[in-house]
Amino acid sequence: MKITLFTLTAGLVFSCSCAANSKIIATGGTSSIEGSAGGGIVPWAVINGYASSGEMAATAFISRVGVDDFTLNSVGASLAYDNNWEWSVARQRFALDSIGGELSQNIIAVKYRLAGQLLYTALPQISLGVQYKKLHDFTLPQAVGARDDSGLDVYLAASKVLFNQVAGRNLLLNATLRATKANQTGLLGFGSADNNNYRLMFEGSAALLLNYNVAIGVEFKQKPDQLAFADEQHWRDVFVAWFVNKHLSVTAGYVDLGSIAGLNNQQGYYLSVEGAW
């Protein structure tokens, strides 16, 4: 059923004949590793694609994060309507390169724009998002102390483009508050044996638009530390995004994921390609 749902959603992306291109290039952001529109590791308040009022848009993406001892591959798709709604699905496969094995999960998400706009109002664009995550195999997460094999993340994001801020260039700022029980974004399960409470985490992004279709930026993702067997540390990245046109974007960056499962200094690269219709 999980695979059928993902395949159906991806099929809708490629067959959708009602996509539109009214929004300005780059204003839909890119697809994060969880499938929601934003940066590489942080969901933003923007709605993916280029659909404006009364229009529909679709995206599909593939991304890869490679650090010293792990590799994360993500693939997903999204549908957007009216620049208010975004539905997305993603599948993550996390290879344990040094110790062997693999963790994987599916993510089904929805985002709704509550108020404001990225460009045209003094109020930032504010969106509410929900992500349901489900592991494929709970054996390893349960062995290291996770309580559940599925969980729900809820986040509130605010995004705004500030004009002529740095040497005449436009600056995008985003702040996200996430309520979560996820260990390593859910790849190591949810909650712990002695703590099943939601934790409120901060995530932030800043991106400088060098011109209309190239941006450089930084991101920070606060992480809960719930499992006793190993510390979970915050994530950071530095990225460059090239919006080739309204149908193709490429994002590359450097990531610092800290310590994962007791293996320190997990640093490496991030690469993502997104198609939009």
Foldseek 3Di string as FASTA:
>chain_A
DLVVVQVVQVVCQVPPPFADAQAAPCQQAFAELQGAHDYPDDHALWHHARDAAATKKKKWKWKWDAWDFKIKIKTKMWMDGNRFKIWMKMKIWMARRPPGDIKIKIKTKMKGFDDDDQEDDPFFTKMKMKIKMAIPDQVQLVVQFADARIDMKIKIKTKYWDALDPVRWIKIKMKMKMWAQDDVNRSSHGAGPVGRGTDIWIKIKMWTDPDSFKIKIKIKTADDAHGPQAGFGIKMKIKMKGRVDSFKIKMKIKIFRADDSNRGGTIDMMIMMMGMD
